Amino acid sequence: MSKVRQIRAVNYGNPIFQKTFRKLKPDVLKEAKRALSELILLDIDNAPAKLHLHALTNKQVLSALDQNKKVPVYSIHLTTNDTYKASFTYEEETAYMRICGEHDDVDKNL
């Protein structure tokens, strides 16, 4: 039986994430906070469909913990209309948030 990959903490310390999060419109911000709150204790392999959580195929980024290592990057949708999303790495049971914003902007900045 494989180990459940559960998010036990969310790290919002990335300056790029903080900057892009502050730029969200008030209505988007409300939905984003709800979506992000659902990450705690989430099994990333069995996330609710409404979050659209998935690893980006064939995409790896620098680890938040070890800049000499590349790790998979994940994304979730922050709004119910799928216009906004956020990306993060999953390392040592923590989601390290990277960037958030409009769908296409996040994809361009991975």
C-alpha atoms as a PDB file:
ATOM      1  CA  MET A   1       0.000   0.000   0.000  1.00  0.00           C
ATOM      2  CA  SER A   2       1.423   3.396  -0.972  1.00  0.00           C
ATOM      3  CA  LYS A   3       1.754   6.276   1.446  1.00  0.00           C
ATOM      4  CA  VAL A   4      -0.876   9.011   1.277  1.00  0.00           C
ATOM      5  CA  ARG A   5       0.666  12.246   0.032  1.00  0.00           C
ATOM      6  CA  GLN A   6      -1.075  14.717   2.288  1.00  0.00           C
ATOM      7  CA  ILE A   7      -0.483  18.459   2.554  1.00  0.00           C
ATOM      8  CA  ARG A   8       0.146  19.161   6.238  1.00  0.00           C
ATOM      9  CA  ALA A   9       1.225  22.805   5.848  1.00  0.00           C
ATOM     10  CA  VAL A  10       1.039  25.608   3.296  1.00  0.00           C
ATOM     11  CA  ASN A  11       3.940  28.039   2.959  1.00  0.00           C
ATOM     12  CA  TYR A  12       3.011  31.475   1.586  1.00  0.00           C
ATOM     13  CA  GLY A  13       6.500  32.960   2.085  1.00  0.00           C
ATOM     14  CA  ASN A  14       7.485  33.234  -1.582  1.00  0.00           C
ATOM     15  CA  PRO A  15       7.679  36.990  -2.400  1.00  0.00           C
ATOM     16  CA  ILE A  16       6.331  36.388  -5.918  1.00  0.00           C
ATOM     17  CA  PHE A  17       3.288  34.598  -4.521  1.00  0.00           C
ATOM     18  CA  GLN A  18       2.700  37.353  -1.962  1.00  0.00           C
ATOM     19  CA  LYS A  19       2.947  40.068  -4.616  1.00  0.00           C
ATOM     20  CA  THR A  20       0.581  38.336  -7.046  1.00  0.00           C
ATOM     21  CA  PHE A  21      -1.854  37.414  -4.244  1.00  0.00           C
ATOM     22  CA  ARG A  22      -2.112  41.073  -3.133  1.00  0.00           C
ATOM     23  CA  LYS A  23      -2.994  42.052  -6.716  1.00  0.00           C
ATOM     24  CA  LEU A  24      -6.107  39.846  -6.854  1.00  0.00           C
ATOM     25  CA  LYS A  25      -9.459  41.654  -7.096  1.00  0.00           C
ATOM     26  CA  PRO A  26     -11.623  41.497  -3.934  1.00  0.00           C
ATOM     27  CA  ASP A  27     -14.117  38.994  -5.398  1.00  0.00           C
ATOM     28  CA  VAL A  28     -11.293  36.773  -6.676  1.00  0.00           C
ATOM     29  CA  LEU A  29      -9.469  37.104  -3.356  1.00  0.00           C
ATOM     30  CA  LYS A  30     -12.483  35.748  -1.489  1.00  0.00           C
ATOM     31  CA  GLU A  31     -12.628  32.654  -3.711  1.00  0.00           C
ATOM     32  CA  ALA A  32      -8.836  32.250  -3.624  1.00  0.00           C
ATOM     33  CA  LYS A  33      -8.779  32.208   0.176  1.00  0.00           C
ATOM     34  CA  ARG A  34     -11.463  29.504   0.177  1.00  0.00           C
ATOM     35  CA  ALA A  35      -9.576  27.363  -2.350  1.00  0.00           C
ATOM     36  CA  LEU A  36      -6.252  27.744  -0.536  1.00  0.00           C
ATOM     37  CA  SER A  37      -7.840  26.850   2.801  1.00  0.00           C
ATOM     38  CA  GLU A  38      -8.886  23.529   1.297  1.00  0.00           C
ATOM     39  CA  LEU A  39      -5.259  22.502   0.791  1.00  0.00           C
ATOM     40  CA  ILE A  40      -4.665  21.718   4.474  1.00  0.00           C
ATOM     41  CA  LEU A  41      -4.779  17.949   5.101  1.00  0.00           C
ATOM     42  CA  LEU A  42      -5.568  17.357   1.440  1.00  0.00           C
ATOM     43  CA  ASP A  43      -4.504  14.113  -0.215  1.00  0.00           C
ATOM     44  CA  ILE A  44      -2.998  15.542  -3.398  1.00  0.00           C
ATOM     45  CA  ASP A  45      -3.639  12.325  -5.275  1.00  0.00           C
ATOM     46  CA  ASN A  46      -7.369  12.411  -4.433  1.00  0.00           C
ATOM     47  CA  ALA A  47      -8.226  16.105  -4.417  1.00  0.00           C
ATOM     48  CA  PRO A  48     -11.805  17.261  -5.030  1.00  0.00           C
ATOM     49  CA  ALA A  49     -12.488  17.860  -8.718  1.00  0.00           C
ATOM     50  CA  LYS A  50     -13.499  21.469  -8.060  1.00  0.00           C
ATOM     51  CA  LEU A  51      -9.861  22.381  -7.275  1.00  0.00           C
ATOM     52  CA  HIS A  52      -8.524  20.983 -10.564  1.00  0.00           C
ATOM     53  CA  LEU A  53      -5.364  20.064  -8.643  1.00  0.00           C
ATOM     54  CA  HIS A  54      -2.779  18.304 -10.776  1.00  0.00           C
ATOM     55  CA  ALA A  55       0.923  18.063 -11.455  1.00  0.00           C
ATOM     56  CA  LEU A  56       1.918  19.837 -14.636  1.00  0.00           C
ATOM     57  CA  THR A  57       3.017  17.232 -17.124  1.00  0.00           C
ATOM     58  CA  ASN A  58       6.720  17.218 -17.964  1.00  0.00           C
ATOM     59  CA  LYS A  59       7.299  20.382 -15.934  1.00  0.00           C
ATOM     60  CA  GLN A  60       9.729  20.704 -13.049  1.00  0.00           C
ATOM     61  CA  VAL A  61      10.901  23.783 -11.176  1.00  0.00           C
ATOM     62  CA  LEU A  62      13.560  24.572  -8.603  1.00  0.00           C
ATOM     63  CA  SER A  63      12.813  23.181  -5.178  1.00  0.00           C
ATOM     64  CA  ALA A  64      11.807  25.656  -2.465  1.00  0.00           C
ATOM     65  CA  LEU A  65      14.075  23.717  -0.091  1.00  0.00           C
ATOM     66  CA  ASP A  66      17.102  22.906  -2.258  1.00  0.00           C
ATOM     67  CA  GLN A  67      17.945  25.216  -5.168  1.00  0.00           C
ATOM     68  CA  ASN A  68      20.125  22.470  -6.670  1.00  0.00           C
ATOM     69  CA  LYS A  69      17.153  20.176  -7.165  1.00  0.00           C
ATOM     70  CA  LYS A  70      14.153  20.232  -9.493  1.00  0.00           C
ATOM     71  CA  VAL A  71      10.742  19.014  -8.364  1.00  0.00           C
ATOM     72  CA  PRO A  72       7.288  18.671  -9.962  1.00  0.00           C
ATOM     73  CA  VAL A  73       5.046  21.736  -9.928  1.00  0.00           C
ATOM     74  CA  TYR A  74       1.318  21.532  -9.212  1.00  0.00           C
ATOM     75  CA  SER A  75      -1.552  23.899  -9.894  1.00  0.00           C
ATOM     76  CA  ILE A  76      -5.008  24.492  -8.478  1.00  0.00           C
ATOM     77  CA  HIS A  77      -7.820  26.679  -9.693  1.00  0.00           C
ATOM     78  CA  LEU A  78      -8.643  29.509  -7.319  1.00  0.00           C
ATOM     79  CA  THR A  79     -11.991  30.471  -8.812  1.00  0.00           C
ATOM     80  CA  THR A  80     -15.037  28.460  -9.771  1.00  0.00           C
ATOM     81  CA  ASN A  81     -14.953  29.861 -13.317  1.00  0.00           C
ATOM     82  CA  ASP A  82     -11.357  28.560 -13.711  1.00  0.00           C
ATOM     83  CA  THR A  83     -10.032  32.009 -14.666  1.00  0.00           C
ATOM     84  CA  TYR A  84      -7.512  32.198 -11.811  1.00  0.00           C
ATOM     85  CA  LYS A  85      -5.096  29.606 -10.526  1.00  0.00           C
ATOM     86  CA  ALA A  86      -2.018  29.157  -8.365  1.00  0.00           C
ATOM     87  CA  SER A  87       1.052  26.957  -8.591  1.00  0.00           C
ATOM     88  CA  PHE A  88       3.023  25.247  -5.852  1.00  0.00           C
ATOM     89  CA  THR A  89       5.586  22.576  -5.158  1.00  0.00           C
ATOM     90  CA  TYR A  90       4.879  19.721  -2.760  1.00  0.00           C
ATOM     91  CA  GLU A  91       7.900  19.012  -0.577  1.00  0.00           C
ATOM     92  CA  GLU A  92       8.121  17.293   2.804  1.00  0.00           C
ATOM     93  CA  GLU A  93       4.324  17.389   3.246  1.00  0.00           C
ATOM     94  CA  THR A  94       4.218  21.158   2.598  1.00  0.00           C
ATOM     95  CA  ALA A  95       2.718  23.080  -0.317  1.00  0.00           C
ATOM     96  CA  TYR A  96       5.153  25.879  -1.193  1.00  0.00           C
ATOM     97  CA  MET A  97       3.115  28.469  -3.064  1.00  0.00           C
ATOM     98  CA  ARG A  98       4.889  29.975  -6.077  1.00  0.00           C
ATOM     99  CA  ILE A  99       2.594  32.345  -7.999  1.00  0.00           C
ATOM    100  CA  CYS A 100      -1.096  33.078  -8.523  1.00  0.00           C
ATOM    101  CA  GLY A 101      -3.131  35.052 -11.005  1.00  0.00           C
ATOM    102  CA  GLU A 102      -4.990  34.682 -14.245  1.00  0.00           C
ATOM    103  CA  HIS A 103      -4.719  31.206 -15.729  1.00  0.00           C
ATOM    104  CA  ASP A 104      -2.525  32.123 -18.707  1.00  0.00           C
ATOM    105  CA  ASP A 105      -0.239  34.397 -16.657  1.00  0.00           C
ATOM    106  CA  VAL A 106       0.496  31.596 -14.194  1.00  0.00           C
ATOM    107  CA  ASP A 107       1.249  29.182 -17.042  1.00  0.00           C
ATOM    108  CA  LYS A 108       3.698  31.666 -18.606  1.00  0.00           C
ATOM    109  CA  ASN A 109       5.547  32.213 -15.330  1.00  0.00           C
ATOM    110  CA  LEU A 110       6.166  28.630 -14.221  1.00  0.00           C
END
